[in-house]
Amino acid sequence: MKYVCDVCGWEYDEEKGYPEGGIAPGTKWEDIPDDFECPLCSVGKDQFSVVE
């Protein structure tokens, strides 16, 4: 699954993870801490949508 920031368009791909932010490849979105912030614009997880 992929999730995109509704504000700036940054994309989180579960397959790739976000190693720069300490999130290993294969990490599911629901397993990312609730206090995660977009690395580009700093909005929270609630501002992300699933990419179909």
PDB file of N, CA and C in Angstrom:
ATOM      1  N   MET A   1       0.835  -1.190   0.000  1.00  0.00           N
ATOM      2  CA  MET A   1       0.000   0.000   0.000  1.00  0.00           C
ATOM      3  C   MET A   1       0.882   1.256   0.000  1.00  0.00           C
ATOM      4  N   LYS A   2       0.321   2.308  -0.571  1.00  0.00           N
ATOM      5  CA  LYS A   2       0.988   3.605  -0.575  1.00  0.00           C
ATOM      6  C   LYS A   2       0.036   4.636  -0.002  1.00  0.00           C
ATOM      7  N   TYR A   3       0.613   5.616   0.680  1.00  0.00           N
ATOM      8  CA  TYR A   3      -0.155   6.692   1.296  1.00  0.00           C
ATOM      9  C   TYR A   3       0.471   8.015   0.880  1.00  0.00           C
ATOM     10  N   VAL A   4      -0.373   9.000   0.547  1.00  0.00           N
ATOM     11  CA  VAL A   4       0.138  10.283   0.087  1.00  0.00           C
ATOM     12  C   VAL A   4      -0.349  11.395   1.019  1.00  0.00           C
ATOM     13  N   CYS A   5       0.550  12.336   1.283  1.00  0.00           N
ATOM     14  CA  CYS A   5       0.211  13.485   2.119  1.00  0.00           C
ATOM     15  C   CYS A   5      -0.765  14.376   1.356  1.00  0.00           C
ATOM     16  N   ASP A   6      -1.907  14.673   1.974  1.00  0.00           N
ATOM     17  CA  ASP A   6      -2.925  15.504   1.328  1.00  0.00           C
ATOM     18  C   ASP A   6      -2.467  16.950   1.164  1.00  0.00           C
ATOM     19  N   VAL A   7      -1.484  17.363   1.939  1.00  0.00           N
ATOM     20  CA  VAL A   7      -1.032  18.751   1.917  1.00  0.00           C
ATOM     21  C   VAL A   7       0.054  18.986   0.861  1.00  0.00           C
ATOM     22  N   CYS A   8       1.116  18.153   0.885  1.00  0.00           N
ATOM     23  CA  CYS A   8       2.252  18.422  -0.006  1.00  0.00           C
ATOM     24  C   CYS A   8       2.506  17.355  -1.067  1.00  0.00           C
ATOM     25  N   GLY A   9       1.875  16.178  -0.917  1.00  0.00           N
ATOM     26  CA  GLY A   9       2.040  15.140  -1.928  1.00  0.00           C
ATOM     27  C   GLY A   9       3.155  14.135  -1.664  1.00  0.00           C
ATOM     28  N   TRP A  10       3.852  14.256  -0.520  1.00  0.00           N
ATOM     29  CA  TRP A  10       4.887  13.260  -0.181  1.00  0.00           C
ATOM     30  C   TRP A  10       4.231  11.897  -0.060  1.00  0.00           C
ATOM     31  N   GLU A  11       4.901  10.881  -0.570  1.00  0.00           N
ATOM     32  CA  GLU A  11       4.312   9.545  -0.602  1.00  0.00           C
ATOM     33  C   GLU A  11       5.071   8.571   0.288  1.00  0.00           C
ATOM     34  N   TYR A  12       4.315   7.804   1.076  1.00  0.00           N
ATOM     35  CA  TYR A  12       4.891   6.716   1.871  1.00  0.00           C
ATOM     36  C   TYR A  12       4.504   5.406   1.210  1.00  0.00           C
ATOM     37  N   ASP A  13       5.507   4.617   0.863  1.00  0.00           N
ATOM     38  CA  ASP A  13       5.312   3.299   0.255  1.00  0.00           C
ATOM     39  C   ASP A  13       5.714   2.256   1.292  1.00  0.00           C
ATOM     40  N   GLU A  14       4.745   1.421   1.714  1.00  0.00           N
ATOM     41  CA  GLU A  14       5.039   0.415   2.738  1.00  0.00           C
ATOM     42  C   GLU A  14       6.177  -0.503   2.318  1.00  0.00           C
ATOM     43  N   GLU A  15       6.269  -0.797   1.043  1.00  0.00           N
ATOM     44  CA  GLU A  15       7.315  -1.690   0.536  1.00  0.00           C
ATOM     45  C   GLU A  15       8.710  -1.091   0.724  1.00  0.00           C
ATOM     46  N   LYS A  16       8.836   0.220   0.522  1.00  0.00           N
ATOM     47  CA  LYS A  16      10.123   0.900   0.618  1.00  0.00           C
ATOM     48  C   LYS A  16      10.416   1.420   2.019  1.00  0.00           C
ATOM     49  N   GLY A  17       9.356   1.669   2.807  1.00  0.00           N
ATOM     50  CA  GLY A  17       9.543   2.252   4.124  1.00  0.00           C
ATOM     51  C   GLY A  17      10.041   3.683   4.016  1.00  0.00           C
ATOM     52  N   TYR A  18      10.676   4.138   5.065  1.00  0.00           N
ATOM     53  CA  TYR A  18      11.271   5.480   5.098  1.00  0.00           C
ATOM     54  C   TYR A  18      12.528   5.386   5.956  1.00  0.00           C
ATOM     55  N   PRO A  19      13.571   4.717   5.391  1.00  0.00           N
ATOM     56  CA  PRO A  19      14.799   4.482   6.157  1.00  0.00           C
ATOM     57  C   PRO A  19      15.422   5.750   6.747  1.00  0.00           C
ATOM     58  N   GLU A  20      15.322   6.876   6.031  1.00  0.00           N
ATOM     59  CA  GLU A  20      15.899   8.129   6.518  1.00  0.00           C
ATOM     60  C   GLU A  20      15.240   8.568   7.823  1.00  0.00           C
ATOM     61  N   GLY A  21      13.988   8.129   8.018  1.00  0.00           N
ATOM     62  CA  GLY A  21      13.253   8.490   9.226  1.00  0.00           C
ATOM     63  C   GLY A  21      13.182   7.351  10.230  1.00  0.00           C
ATOM     64  N   GLY A  22      13.960   6.291  10.000  1.00  0.00           N
ATOM     65  CA  GLY A  22      13.997   5.180  10.927  1.00  0.00           C
ATOM     66  C   GLY A  22      12.875   4.167  10.758  1.00  0.00           C
ATOM     67  N   ILE A  23      12.194   4.204   9.605  1.00  0.00           N
ATOM     68  CA  ILE A  23      11.101   3.262   9.354  1.00  0.00           C
ATOM     69  C   ILE A  23      11.576   2.247   8.310  1.00  0.00           C
ATOM     70  N   ALA A  24      11.674   0.996   8.730  1.00  0.00           N
ATOM     71  CA  ALA A  24      12.225  -0.059   7.884  1.00  0.00           C
ATOM     72  C   ALA A  24      11.307  -0.399   6.711  1.00  0.00           C
ATOM     73  N   PRO A  25      11.899  -0.829   5.588  1.00  0.00           N
ATOM     74  CA  PRO A  25      11.093  -1.313   4.467  1.00  0.00           C
ATOM     75  C   PRO A  25      10.151  -2.427   4.939  1.00  0.00           C
ATOM     76  N   GLY A  26       8.944  -2.423   4.431  1.00  0.00           N
ATOM     77  CA  GLY A  26       7.952  -3.420   4.794  1.00  0.00           C
ATOM     78  C   GLY A  26       7.090  -3.030   5.980  1.00  0.00           C
ATOM     79  N   THR A  27       7.334  -1.832   6.556  1.00  0.00           N
ATOM     80  CA  THR A  27       6.543  -1.381   7.706  1.00  0.00           C
ATOM     81  C   THR A  27       5.168  -0.917   7.255  1.00  0.00           C
ATOM     82  N   LYS A  28       4.140  -1.539   7.821  1.00  0.00           N
ATOM     83  CA  LYS A  28       2.760  -1.172   7.496  1.00  0.00           C
ATOM     84  C   LYS A  28       2.434   0.205   8.063  1.00  0.00           C
ATOM     85  N   TRP A  29       1.554   0.916   7.375  1.00  0.00           N
ATOM     86  CA  TRP A  29       1.153   2.260   7.797  1.00  0.00           C
ATOM     87  C   TRP A  29       0.610   2.253   9.226  1.00  0.00           C
ATOM     88  N   GLU A  30      -0.211   1.238   9.543  1.00  0.00           N
ATOM     89  CA  GLU A  30      -0.811   1.180  10.882  1.00  0.00           C
ATOM     90  C   GLU A  30       0.229   0.913  11.976  1.00  0.00           C
ATOM     91  N   ASP A  31       1.427   0.444  11.590  1.00  0.00           N
ATOM     92  CA  ASP A  31       2.496   0.184  12.558  1.00  0.00           C
ATOM     93  C   ASP A  31       3.406   1.387  12.785  1.00  0.00           C
ATOM     94  N   ILE A  32       3.208   2.442  12.004  1.00  0.00           N
ATOM     95  CA  ILE A  32       3.993   3.663  12.182  1.00  0.00           C
ATOM     96  C   ILE A  32       3.398   4.421  13.376  1.00  0.00           C
ATOM     97  N   PRO A  33       4.242   4.974  14.248  1.00  0.00           N
ATOM     98  CA  PRO A  33       3.728   5.680  15.432  1.00  0.00           C
ATOM     99  C   PRO A  33       2.722   6.782  15.074  1.00  0.00           C
ATOM    100  N   ASP A  34       1.751   6.973  15.958  1.00  0.00           N
ATOM    101  CA  ASP A  34       0.712   7.976  15.728  1.00  0.00           C
ATOM    102  C   ASP A  34       1.255   9.400  15.679  1.00  0.00           C
ATOM    103  N   ASP A  35       2.444   9.604  16.248  1.00  0.00           N
ATOM    104  CA  ASP A  35       3.016  10.955  16.235  1.00  0.00           C
ATOM    105  C   ASP A  35       3.902  11.207  15.007  1.00  0.00           C
ATOM    106  N   PHE A  36       3.844  10.288  14.031  1.00  0.00           N
ATOM    107  CA  PHE A  36       4.598  10.472  12.780  1.00  0.00           C
ATOM    108  C   PHE A  36       4.163  11.772  12.112  1.00  0.00           C
ATOM    109  N   GLU A  37       5.132  12.491  11.559  1.00  0.00           N
ATOM    110  CA  GLU A  37       4.849  13.720  10.816  1.00  0.00           C
ATOM    111  C   GLU A  37       5.445  13.607   9.426  1.00  0.00           C
ATOM    112  N   CYS A  38       4.767  14.199   8.457  1.00  0.00           N
ATOM    113  CA  CYS A  38       5.275  14.232   7.089  1.00  0.00           C
ATOM    114  C   CYS A  38       6.656  14.887   7.095  1.00  0.00           C
ATOM    115  N   PRO A  39       7.647  14.237   6.451  1.00  0.00           N
ATOM    116  CA  PRO A  39       9.000  14.807   6.463  1.00  0.00           C
ATOM    117  C   PRO A  39       9.131  16.119   5.686  1.00  0.00           C
ATOM    118  N   LEU A  40       8.181  16.407   4.808  1.00  0.00           N
ATOM    119  CA  LEU A  40       8.268  17.646   4.032  1.00  0.00           C
ATOM    120  C   LEU A  40       7.494  18.805   4.650  1.00  0.00           C
ATOM    121  N   CYS A  41       6.283  18.535   5.154  1.00  0.00           N
ATOM    122  CA  CYS A  41       5.458  19.657   5.619  1.00  0.00           C
ATOM    123  C   CYS A  41       4.998  19.535   7.067  1.00  0.00           C
ATOM    124  N   SER A  42       5.364  18.446   7.743  1.00  0.00           N
ATOM    125  CA  SER A  42       5.138  18.263   9.187  1.00  0.00           C
ATOM    126  C   SER A  42       3.686  18.057   9.631  1.00  0.00           C
ATOM    127  N   VAL A  43       2.777  17.731   8.700  1.00  0.00           N
ATOM    128  CA  VAL A  43       1.416  17.401   9.141  1.00  0.00           C
ATOM    129  C   VAL A  43       1.392  15.973   9.671  1.00  0.00           C
ATOM    130  N   GLY A  44       0.362  15.622  10.424  1.00  0.00           N
ATOM    131  CA  GLY A  44       0.263  14.309  11.042  1.00  0.00           C
ATOM    132  C   GLY A  44      -0.285  13.233  10.125  1.00  0.00           C
ATOM    133  N   LYS A  45      -0.291  11.995  10.663  1.00  0.00           N
ATOM    134  CA  LYS A  45      -0.773  10.829   9.914  1.00  0.00           C
ATOM    135  C   LYS A  45      -2.206  10.986   9.417  1.00  0.00           C
ATOM    136  N   ASP A  46      -3.004  11.762  10.147  1.00  0.00           N
ATOM    137  CA  ASP A  46      -4.412  11.942   9.766  1.00  0.00           C
ATOM    138  C   ASP A  46      -4.581  12.746   8.482  1.00  0.00           C
ATOM    139  N   GLN A  47      -3.481  13.325   7.986  1.00  0.00           N
ATOM    140  CA  GLN A  47      -3.534  14.112   6.756  1.00  0.00           C
ATOM    141  C   GLN A  47      -3.043  13.322   5.539  1.00  0.00           C
ATOM    142  N   PHE A  48      -3.000  11.998   5.667  1.00  0.00           N
ATOM    143  CA  PHE A  48      -2.571  11.128   4.562  1.00  0.00           C
ATOM    144  C   PHE A  48      -3.757  10.324   4.033  1.00  0.00           C
ATOM    145  N   SER A  49      -3.745  10.059   2.740  1.00  0.00           N
ATOM    146  CA  SER A  49      -4.784   9.249   2.104  1.00  0.00           C
ATOM    147  C   SER A  49      -4.154   8.060   1.380  1.00  0.00           C
ATOM    148  N   VAL A  50      -4.920   6.973   1.286  1.00  0.00           N
ATOM    149  CA  VAL A  50      -4.464   5.782   0.561  1.00  0.00           C
ATOM    150  C   VAL A  50      -4.417   6.096  -0.935  1.00  0.00           C
ATOM    151  N   VAL A  51      -3.339   5.660  -1.586  1.00  0.00           N
ATOM    152  CA  VAL A  51      -3.226   5.784  -3.035  1.00  0.00           C
ATOM    153  C   VAL A  51      -3.801   4.511  -3.628  1.00  0.00           C
ATOM    154  N   GLU A  52      -4.801   4.636  -4.456  1.00  0.00           N
ATOM    155  CA  GLU A  52      -5.438   3.450  -5.070  1.00  0.00           C
ATOM    156  C   GLU A  52      -4.606   2.952  -6.235  1.00  0.00           C
TER     157      GLU A  52
END
